[in-house]
Amino acid sequence: MCGGPRAPLILRLAWRNVRNDRLGFAACFLAVLTAVVMVGGNSLLVAGSAGEEDLDGVTGILILSAFVSGFVSVFVVAGMLGLHAVRRRRTWGLLRSIGMTAPQLRRLVLAEALTLALAASALGSVLAVPYAGVAAGFVREVGLAPVDVPLRITPVPFVLAFVAGPAVTLAAALGAARRAVRLKPLEVLRETHVQQRILSLPRMGIGSAALLGGLWMADEMARMPVKEAEPMAFGTTMTLCVGVGALGPVILTGLVRMLGPVLTRLDPTPGRLARAALLTAPGRVWPMVAPVMLTMALACTFLFAASTEAAFKGITRTGAAAWVAPLMVGSAIVFTVISVVNAAAVAMADQRDSLRLLRQIGALPAQLVRTVCWETLIATGVGVVLGTAIAALSLSAMGKAMTGELWFTGSLVQYAGLLATCVVGGLAGTLAATREARRGPLLPTSTPR
């Protein structure tokens, strides 16, 4: 491989890697596919409602829903590819140790991402049409639109969808490529990996700037007129999500260190193992946390902003008006919940060899169940705390603009439903991914082809 770049060889190797690592690439494929479906479907709805006088009031809601869907798509796809990069670390080290050059490895990583993105974009563009049809029917059924939203099959939504998939995927893959070429060839010989550098300097700078920007926006929002405060709350939440998402592994490490002593008292051995796993590789765990944080932050902001505004005006929203906030975030929240299950399953797949080793030295299956459950519950709990804090900050600032006090109102039932969905989704993905390692043969039953 040292004799120079060979494009056909790189492409064949990329395709073989995609076929052999089905779990990791399938998870990324699902994330990109869902993102393309959401972007394409929402774009079709916007194109259909544009220019229709009876749908003037709905078009703005659909545009905002499309924007939220795009934001969530970028966030989730980047997280899944980041998790995939952590899992591929040993493969990259092996390729470097047998002579693959840094430029060749960079092209390989990008070729894998492009193969994945093109396949997902092609299928997602097709599935966007039935998705838009279902969404249009829902809008009409709840009474939000007085007439049916027409589906106009025009090129622009499909171009947006087909371009969005590869663009987001390749942008996220560039970070993975940089990590791959920086990897020292001899690192592949290590049996275990402790993440030495949690954050790169560019990521730390972006995260700090976004976090400070979100805090500034919240402070400004508290002094704004009421009419401008509610839209500002949505932007504040998204900006804070970007900041916390970039700094997430550092925040996760700090919170786990704080919760560690409590966990080891509640369940000494499984708790200690879970704490060690979380602290060893926070970059592997953070993609489990990010979708939960995003779900709680966006859903609480959109749902509770509507209820806070209604309480401030002294009105009760019923009928079509009550569906505005759920419509704006509905598909995006479904996407992030799927991502919770997806990320938990992929992140825990790397724990299978460790679980088999623990069984060999005497750990019982029940202890291993508690270990992986504690790890998932802590990751989910951190996401819930961060997402709730982001939403509470935005909503409180909006409430202060309305009443002069830090105040907002919401539904405990809706909050409990969101919380339960995230917890159940994370545990389902975790237990499914580790079932064979916890109860099956002590040695893997199959090897990659």
Protein backbone atom coordinates (compact mmCIF):
# COMPACT_ATOMS: atom_id res chain seq x y z
CA MET A 1 0.00 0.00 0.00
CA CYS A 2 3.01 2.25 0.24
CA GLY A 3 3.36 2.55 -3.52
CA GLY A 4 0.85 5.37 -3.87
CA PRO A 5 -2.90 5.82 -3.86
CA ARG A 6 -4.97 3.22 -5.68
CA ALA A 7 -8.57 4.39 -5.96
CA PRO A 8 -10.12 1.04 -7.01
CA LEU A 9 -8.38 -0.73 -4.11
CA ILE A 10 -9.59 1.90 -1.63
CA LEU A 11 -13.17 1.59 -2.92
CA ARG A 12 -13.11 -2.22 -2.76
CA LEU A 13 -11.73 -2.13 0.77
CA ALA A 14 -14.36 0.44 1.80
CA TRP A 15 -17.15 -1.75 0.45
CA ARG A 16 -15.73 -4.81 2.19
CA ASN A 17 -15.49 -2.95 5.50
CA VAL A 18 -19.11 -1.81 5.19
CA ARG A 19 -20.21 -5.41 4.59
CA ASN A 20 -18.16 -6.88 7.44
CA ASP A 21 -18.98 -4.40 10.19
CA ARG A 22 -22.73 -4.69 9.78
CA LEU A 23 -23.72 -3.49 13.23
CA GLY A 24 -21.75 -0.24 13.20
CA PHE A 25 -22.50 0.67 9.61
CA ALA A 26 -26.16 -0.37 9.89
CA ALA A 27 -26.59 2.00 12.84
CA CYS A 28 -25.04 4.88 10.90
CA PHE A 29 -27.09 3.94 7.82
CA LEU A 30 -30.31 4.09 9.85
CA ALA A 31 -29.39 7.51 11.24
CA VAL A 32 -28.62 8.95 7.78
CA LEU A 33 -31.67 7.27 6.23
CA THR A 34 -34.03 8.72 8.82
CA ALA A 35 -32.43 12.14 8.43
CA VAL A 36 -32.92 12.09 4.65
CA VAL A 37 -36.54 10.95 5.02
CA MET A 38 -37.27 13.76 7.47
CA VAL A 39 -35.57 16.48 5.42
CA GLY A 40 -37.11 15.30 2.15
CA GLY A 41 -40.57 14.71 3.57
CA ASN A 42 -40.76 18.05 5.35
CA SER A 43 -39.44 19.82 2.25
CA LEU A 44 -42.21 18.21 0.18
CA LEU A 45 -44.80 19.48 2.67
CA VAL A 46 -43.37 23.00 2.54
CA ALA A 47 -43.31 22.93 -1.26
CA GLY A 48 -46.91 21.69 -1.33
CA SER A 49 -48.25 24.34 1.05
CA ALA A 50 -46.35 27.28 -0.50
CA GLY A 51 -48.58 29.57 -2.51
CA GLU A 52 -51.82 28.05 -1.16
CA GLU A 53 -53.92 30.79 0.44
CA ASP A 54 -55.80 28.33 2.67
CA LEU A 55 -52.49 27.03 4.03
CA ASP A 56 -50.74 30.33 4.80
CA GLY A 57 -50.99 29.70 8.54
CA VAL A 58 -49.59 26.18 8.22
CA THR A 59 -46.61 26.96 5.98
CA GLY A 60 -44.68 28.75 8.73
CA ILE A 61 -45.20 25.82 11.11
CA LEU A 62 -44.04 23.36 8.44
CA ILE A 63 -40.94 25.46 7.71
CA LEU A 64 -40.03 25.56 11.41
CA SER A 65 -40.65 21.82 11.68
CA ALA A 66 -38.35 21.24 8.68
CA PHE A 67 -35.66 23.40 10.27
CA VAL A 68 -35.88 21.52 13.58
CA SER A 69 -35.72 18.21 11.72
CA GLY A 70 -32.57 19.34 9.91
CA PHE A 71 -30.95 20.46 13.15
CA VAL A 72 -31.71 17.15 14.86
CA SER A 73 -30.47 15.23 11.83
CA VAL A 74 -27.07 16.92 11.86
CA PHE A 75 -26.75 16.43 15.61
CA VAL A 76 -27.68 12.73 15.63
CA VAL A 77 -25.78 11.70 12.48
CA ALA A 78 -22.61 13.39 13.76
CA GLY A 79 -22.98 11.58 17.08
CA MET A 80 -23.46 8.17 15.47
CA LEU A 81 -20.45 8.63 13.19
CA GLY A 82 -18.40 9.77 16.17
CA LEU A 83 -19.35 6.58 18.01
CA HIS A 84 -18.52 4.55 14.92
CA ALA A 85 -15.09 6.22 14.77
CA VAL A 86 -14.38 5.09 18.34
CA ARG A 87 -15.30 1.52 17.45
CA ARG A 88 -13.11 1.52 14.30
CA ARG A 89 -10.01 2.66 16.14
CA ARG A 90 -8.33 -0.77 16.30
CA THR A 91 -9.02 -1.46 12.63
CA TRP A 92 -7.42 1.83 11.66
CA GLY A 93 -4.41 1.07 13.85
CA LEU A 94 -4.02 -2.32 12.21
CA LEU A 95 -4.14 -0.81 8.73
CA ARG A 96 -1.53 1.77 9.70
CA SER A 97 0.70 -0.94 11.19
CA ILE A 98 0.75 -2.95 7.94
CA GLY A 99 1.76 0.04 5.82
CA MET A 100 -1.31 2.05 4.84
CA THR A 101 -0.33 5.69 4.54
CA ALA A 102 -2.18 8.55 6.21
CA PRO A 103 -3.65 9.91 2.93
CA GLN A 104 -4.83 6.42 1.95
CA LEU A 105 -6.47 5.90 5.34
CA ARG A 106 -8.16 9.29 5.09
CA ARG A 107 -9.57 8.38 1.68
CA LEU A 108 -10.72 5.01 3.01
CA VAL A 109 -12.67 6.59 5.88
CA LEU A 110 -14.30 9.10 3.53
CA ALA A 111 -15.06 6.37 0.96
CA GLU A 112 -16.82 4.29 3.63
CA ALA A 113 -18.88 7.31 4.67
CA LEU A 114 -19.74 8.18 1.06
CA THR A 115 -20.80 4.59 0.31
CA LEU A 116 -23.07 4.63 3.33
CA ALA A 117 -24.47 8.10 2.61
CA LEU A 118 -25.28 7.49 -1.07
CA ALA A 119 -27.16 4.27 -0.30
CA ALA A 120 -29.09 5.89 2.56
CA SER A 121 -29.87 9.01 0.50
CA ALA A 122 -31.19 7.00 -2.45
CA LEU A 123 -33.53 4.95 -0.26
CA GLY A 124 -34.44 7.92 1.95
CA SER A 125 -35.45 10.05 -1.06
CA VAL A 126 -37.91 7.34 -2.09
CA LEU A 127 -39.33 6.89 1.43
CA ALA A 128 -39.75 10.67 1.83
CA VAL A 129 -42.86 10.56 -0.36
CA PRO A 130 -44.94 8.19 1.81
CA TYR A 131 -43.63 9.95 4.92
CA ALA A 132 -44.86 13.30 3.56
CA GLY A 133 -48.20 11.70 2.70
CA VAL A 134 -48.69 10.41 6.25
CA ALA A 135 -47.63 13.75 7.76
CA ALA A 136 -49.99 15.66 5.44
CA GLY A 137 -52.87 13.38 6.43
CA PHE A 138 -52.08 13.92 10.11
CA VAL A 139 -52.07 17.70 9.71
CA ARG A 140 -55.47 17.55 8.02
CA GLU A 141 -56.88 15.01 10.50
CA VAL A 142 -56.15 17.09 13.62
CA GLY A 143 -57.68 20.14 11.98
CA LEU A 144 -54.49 22.19 11.75
CA ALA A 145 -54.94 22.62 8.00
CA PRO A 146 -58.40 23.50 6.65
CA VAL A 147 -57.70 21.60 3.42
CA ASP A 148 -55.42 18.76 2.40
CA VAL A 149 -51.76 19.68 1.98
CA PRO A 150 -51.01 18.84 -1.67
CA LEU A 151 -47.98 16.73 -2.43
CA ARG A 152 -46.15 18.30 -5.35
CA ILE A 153 -43.39 16.06 -6.63
CA THR A 154 -40.83 18.67 -7.61
CA PRO A 155 -37.05 18.24 -7.92
CA VAL A 156 -36.00 20.71 -5.21
CA PRO A 157 -37.07 18.67 -2.12
CA PHE A 158 -35.40 15.55 -3.51
CA VAL A 159 -32.22 17.44 -4.34
CA LEU A 160 -32.16 18.85 -0.80
CA ALA A 161 -32.70 15.41 0.69
CA PHE A 162 -30.18 13.66 -1.54
CA VAL A 163 -27.53 16.32 -0.95
CA ALA A 164 -28.20 16.56 2.80
CA GLY A 165 -27.30 12.93 3.48
CA PRO A 166 -23.81 12.88 1.93
CA ALA A 167 -23.08 16.46 3.06
CA VAL A 168 -23.83 15.77 6.74
CA THR A 169 -22.17 12.36 6.63
CA LEU A 170 -18.97 13.57 4.97
CA ALA A 171 -18.76 16.58 7.30
CA ALA A 172 -18.93 14.25 10.30
CA ALA A 173 -16.56 11.77 8.62
CA LEU A 174 -13.88 14.45 8.27
CA GLY A 175 -13.48 14.43 12.04
CA ALA A 176 -13.19 10.65 12.02
CA ALA A 177 -10.61 10.85 9.24
CA ARG A 178 -8.51 13.29 11.26
CA ARG A 179 -8.59 10.93 14.24
CA ALA A 180 -7.66 8.00 12.02
CA VAL A 181 -4.54 9.60 10.53
CA ARG A 182 -3.35 10.79 13.96
CA LEU A 183 -3.53 7.23 15.31
CA LYS A 184 -0.12 5.71 16.03
CA PRO A 185 0.30 2.31 14.36
CA LEU A 186 1.48 0.57 17.55
CA GLU A 187 -1.66 1.60 19.43
CA VAL A 188 -3.41 -1.37 17.81
CA LEU A 189 -1.34 -3.66 20.05
CA ARG A 190 -3.04 -2.34 23.16
CA GLU A 191 -5.73 -4.65 24.46
CA THR A 192 -7.50 -1.88 26.30
CA HIS A 193 -7.95 1.76 25.53
CA VAL A 194 -8.21 4.60 27.99
CA GLN A 195 -9.17 7.81 26.28
CA GLN A 196 -6.33 10.19 27.09
CA ARG A 197 -7.56 13.30 25.30
CA ILE A 198 -11.27 13.76 25.76
CA LEU A 199 -11.71 16.85 23.57
CA SER A 200 -9.74 18.41 20.75
CA LEU A 201 -8.94 22.11 21.00
CA PRO A 202 -11.19 23.11 18.04
CA ARG A 203 -14.14 21.22 19.55
CA MET A 204 -13.53 22.78 22.92
CA GLY A 205 -13.43 26.24 21.35
CA ILE A 206 -16.65 25.69 19.38
CA GLY A 207 -18.42 24.25 22.41
CA SER A 208 -17.36 27.08 24.70
CA ALA A 209 -18.40 29.72 22.17
CA ALA A 210 -21.82 28.09 21.61
CA LEU A 211 -22.41 27.68 25.34
CA LEU A 212 -21.53 31.31 26.08
CA GLY A 213 -23.64 32.39 23.11
CA GLY A 214 -26.63 30.44 24.44
CA LEU A 215 -26.27 31.97 27.89
CA TRP A 216 -26.07 35.45 26.34
CA MET A 217 -29.20 34.75 24.29
CA ALA A 218 -31.07 33.65 27.43
CA ASP A 219 -30.03 36.83 29.23
CA GLU A 220 -31.15 38.99 26.31
CA MET A 221 -34.40 37.08 25.97
CA ALA A 222 -35.37 37.84 29.57
CA ARG A 223 -35.50 41.56 28.65
CA MET A 224 -37.25 41.20 25.30
CA PRO A 225 -40.88 42.01 24.47
CA VAL A 226 -43.18 39.02 24.94
CA LYS A 227 -43.84 38.71 21.20
CA GLU A 228 -40.14 38.13 20.47
CA ALA A 229 -39.31 35.99 23.50
CA GLU A 230 -40.94 32.72 22.40
CA PRO A 231 -39.09 32.40 19.05
CA MET A 232 -35.89 33.34 20.86
CA ALA A 233 -36.42 30.47 23.31
CA PHE A 234 -36.18 27.93 20.50
CA GLY A 235 -32.94 29.41 19.19
CA THR A 236 -31.50 29.55 22.70
CA THR A 237 -32.24 25.88 23.30
CA MET A 238 -30.63 24.83 20.02
CA THR A 239 -27.53 26.93 20.65
CA LEU A 240 -27.13 25.52 24.16
CA CYS A 241 -27.55 22.00 22.78
CA VAL A 242 -24.67 22.63 20.37
CA GLY A 243 -22.47 23.95 23.18
CA VAL A 244 -23.23 21.18 25.64
CA GLY A 245 -23.00 18.60 22.86
CA ALA A 246 -19.50 19.72 21.93
CA LEU A 247 -18.32 19.79 25.56
CA GLY A 248 -20.34 16.69 26.47
CA PRO A 249 -17.57 14.15 27.21
CA VAL A 250 -15.97 16.54 29.74
CA ILE A 251 -19.32 17.24 31.38
CA LEU A 252 -20.11 13.51 31.43
CA THR A 253 -16.79 12.70 33.12
CA GLY A 254 -17.38 15.30 35.83
CA LEU A 255 -20.92 14.12 36.58
CA VAL A 256 -19.88 10.44 36.67
CA ARG A 257 -17.12 11.25 39.15
CA MET A 258 -19.71 12.99 41.33
CA LEU A 259 -22.21 10.13 41.10
CA GLY A 260 -19.61 7.34 41.41
CA PRO A 261 -19.48 7.11 45.22
CA VAL A 262 -23.28 6.97 45.44
CA LEU A 263 -23.43 4.24 42.81
CA THR A 264 -20.79 2.07 44.47
CA ARG A 265 -22.70 2.25 47.75
CA LEU A 266 -25.99 1.27 46.12
CA ASP A 267 -24.55 -1.72 44.23
CA PRO A 268 -20.83 -2.15 45.01
CA THR A 269 -19.42 -4.49 42.34
CA PRO A 270 -21.69 -3.73 39.35
CA GLY A 271 -21.66 -0.05 40.27
CA ARG A 272 -17.87 0.07 40.36
CA LEU A 273 -17.64 -1.71 36.97
CA ALA A 274 -20.18 0.64 35.41
CA ARG A 275 -18.37 3.71 36.76
CA ALA A 276 -15.03 2.44 35.41
CA ALA A 277 -16.52 1.78 31.96
CA LEU A 278 -18.01 5.28 31.81
CA LEU A 279 -14.78 6.98 32.85
CA THR A 280 -12.52 4.88 30.62
CA ALA A 281 -14.00 6.02 27.31
CA PRO A 282 -16.43 8.94 27.65
CA GLY A 283 -16.27 9.41 23.88
CA ARG A 284 -17.95 6.01 23.47
CA VAL A 285 -20.66 6.78 26.02
CA TRP A 286 -21.49 10.35 25.00
CA PRO A 287 -23.41 9.31 21.83
CA MET A 288 -25.79 7.49 24.21
CA VAL A 289 -26.25 10.69 26.22
CA ALA A 290 -26.65 13.18 23.34
CA PRO A 291 -29.97 11.90 21.88
CA VAL A 292 -31.52 11.85 25.36
CA MET A 293 -30.35 15.41 26.01
CA LEU A 294 -31.68 16.53 22.63
CA THR A 295 -35.03 14.82 23.17
CA MET A 296 -35.60 16.35 26.59
CA ALA A 297 -34.33 19.82 25.63
CA LEU A 298 -36.28 20.24 22.39
CA ALA A 299 -39.48 18.50 23.47
CA CYS A 300 -39.71 20.33 26.79
CA THR A 301 -38.96 23.70 25.18
CA PHE A 302 -41.51 23.38 22.39
CA LEU A 303 -44.25 21.75 24.46
CA PHE A 304 -43.88 23.83 27.60
CA ALA A 305 -43.33 27.12 25.76
CA ALA A 306 -46.82 26.68 24.29
CA SER A 307 -48.35 25.87 27.69
CA THR A 308 -46.48 28.77 29.33
CA GLU A 309 -47.76 31.22 26.73
CA ALA A 310 -51.29 29.87 27.14
CA ALA A 311 -51.12 30.23 30.93
CA PHE A 312 -49.76 33.77 30.62
CA LYS A 313 -52.65 34.75 28.31
CA GLY A 314 -55.18 32.87 30.44
CA ILE A 315 -56.39 30.63 27.62
CA THR A 316 -56.76 26.90 27.15
CA ARG A 317 -55.59 25.50 23.83
CA THR A 318 -57.90 22.86 22.38
CA GLY A 319 -58.44 21.28 19.00
CA ALA A 320 -56.00 22.17 16.23
CA ALA A 321 -54.18 24.79 18.33
CA ALA A 322 -53.10 22.11 20.79
CA TRP A 323 -51.30 20.21 18.01
CA VAL A 324 -49.00 23.03 16.87
CA ALA A 325 -46.15 22.33 19.32
CA PRO A 326 -46.29 18.51 18.96
CA LEU A 327 -46.27 18.87 15.17
CA MET A 328 -43.15 21.06 15.19
CA VAL A 329 -41.09 18.51 17.08
CA GLY A 330 -43.00 15.25 16.63
CA SER A 331 -40.98 13.61 13.87
CA ALA A 332 -37.71 14.96 15.27
CA ILE A 333 -38.44 13.46 18.68
CA VAL A 334 -39.30 10.09 17.14
CA PHE A 335 -35.94 10.27 15.34
CA THR A 336 -34.03 11.00 18.52
CA VAL A 337 -35.80 8.22 20.43
CA ILE A 338 -34.81 5.77 17.69
CA SER A 339 -31.29 7.12 18.05
CA VAL A 340 -31.34 6.43 21.80
CA VAL A 341 -31.98 2.73 21.10
CA ASN A 342 -29.52 2.75 18.22
CA ALA A 343 -26.67 4.40 20.12
CA ALA A 344 -27.16 2.23 23.22
CA ALA A 345 -27.01 -0.95 21.16
CA VAL A 346 -23.88 0.10 19.24
CA ALA A 347 -22.06 1.49 22.27
CA MET A 348 -22.72 -1.64 24.31
CA ALA A 349 -21.68 -3.95 21.48
CA ASP A 350 -18.06 -3.10 22.31
CA GLN A 351 -18.62 -4.36 25.84
CA ARG A 352 -19.29 -7.93 24.78
CA ASP A 353 -15.69 -9.14 25.04
CA SER A 354 -15.36 -7.48 28.45
CA LEU A 355 -18.55 -9.15 29.65
CA ARG A 356 -17.33 -12.57 28.51
CA LEU A 357 -14.05 -11.97 30.33
CA LEU A 358 -15.92 -11.06 33.52
CA ARG A 359 -17.92 -14.28 33.22
CA GLN A 360 -14.70 -16.27 32.86
CA ILE A 361 -13.40 -14.91 36.16
CA GLY A 362 -16.62 -15.67 38.01
CA ALA A 363 -19.12 -12.84 37.46
CA LEU A 364 -22.73 -14.00 37.45
CA PRO A 365 -25.16 -13.10 34.64
CA ALA A 366 -27.31 -11.16 37.11
CA GLN A 367 -24.31 -9.03 38.09
CA LEU A 368 -23.55 -8.30 34.44
CA VAL A 369 -27.16 -7.30 33.82
CA ARG A 370 -26.95 -4.82 36.68
CA THR A 371 -23.61 -3.52 35.37
CA VAL A 372 -24.85 -2.70 31.87
CA CYS A 373 -28.15 -1.37 33.26
CA TRP A 374 -26.33 0.97 35.65
CA GLU A 375 -24.12 2.20 32.83
CA THR A 376 -27.14 2.89 30.64
CA LEU A 377 -29.14 4.48 33.46
CA ILE A 378 -26.29 6.83 34.33
CA ALA A 379 -25.82 7.81 30.68
CA THR A 380 -29.57 8.34 30.31
CA GLY A 381 -29.74 10.23 33.60
CA VAL A 382 -26.97 12.61 32.54
CA GLY A 383 -28.82 13.26 29.27
CA VAL A 384 -32.06 13.92 31.15
CA VAL A 385 -30.38 16.32 33.58
CA LEU A 386 -28.61 18.26 30.83
CA GLY A 387 -31.65 18.40 28.54
CA THR A 388 -33.94 19.46 31.38
CA ALA A 389 -31.49 22.14 32.49
CA ILE A 390 -31.24 23.56 28.95
CA ALA A 391 -35.02 23.65 28.53
CA ALA A 392 -35.55 25.11 32.01
CA LEU A 393 -33.06 27.92 31.32
CA SER A 394 -34.73 28.87 28.02
CA LEU A 395 -38.25 28.61 29.44
CA SER A 396 -37.40 30.56 32.59
CA ALA A 397 -35.92 33.39 30.52
CA MET A 398 -39.04 33.43 28.36
CA GLY A 399 -41.22 33.47 31.48
CA LYS A 400 -39.25 36.39 32.86
CA ALA A 401 -39.90 38.33 29.66
CA MET A 402 -43.61 37.71 30.24
CA THR A 403 -43.98 38.27 33.98
CA GLY A 404 -40.70 39.70 35.24
CA GLU A 405 -39.99 36.49 37.18
CA LEU A 406 -38.18 33.26 36.37
CA TRP A 407 -41.26 31.16 35.70
CA PHE A 408 -42.76 28.64 33.30
CA THR A 409 -45.40 25.96 33.36
CA GLY A 410 -45.53 22.46 31.92
CA SER A 411 -47.10 19.03 32.17
CA LEU A 412 -45.60 16.48 34.55
CA VAL A 413 -47.37 13.73 32.60
CA GLN A 414 -45.69 14.76 29.35
CA TYR A 415 -42.32 15.07 31.08
CA ALA A 416 -42.68 11.65 32.71
CA GLY A 417 -43.63 10.17 29.34
CA LEU A 418 -40.52 11.59 27.68
CA LEU A 419 -38.35 10.37 30.54
CA ALA A 420 -39.82 6.87 30.47
CA THR A 421 -39.42 6.64 26.70
CA CYS A 422 -35.72 7.54 26.88
CA VAL A 423 -35.02 5.15 29.76
CA VAL A 424 -36.90 2.22 28.24
CA GLY A 425 -35.33 2.82 24.83
CA GLY A 426 -31.80 2.92 26.24
CA LEU A 427 -32.28 -0.22 28.35
CA ALA A 428 -33.86 -2.09 25.42
CA GLY A 429 -30.91 -1.33 23.16
CA THR A 430 -28.38 -2.21 25.86
CA LEU A 431 -29.90 -5.53 26.91
CA ALA A 432 -30.46 -6.63 23.32
CA ALA A 433 -26.86 -5.86 22.31
CA THR A 434 -25.29 -7.68 25.28
CA ARG A 435 -27.64 -10.64 25.66
CA GLU A 436 -25.39 -13.22 23.97
CA ALA A 437 -22.29 -12.03 25.84
CA ARG A 438 -24.11 -12.21 29.19
CA ARG A 439 -25.75 -15.60 28.75
CA GLY A 440 -24.31 -17.29 25.65
CA PRO A 441 -20.98 -19.07 25.00
CA LEU A 442 -17.86 -17.71 26.66
CA LEU A 443 -16.24 -17.39 23.24
CA PRO A 444 -17.75 -15.57 20.24
CA THR A 445 -19.76 -17.95 18.08
CA SER A 446 -18.83 -16.26 14.81
CA THR A 447 -16.04 -14.19 13.39
CA PRO A 448 -16.16 -11.44 10.80
CA ARG A 449 -15.82 -12.58 7.24
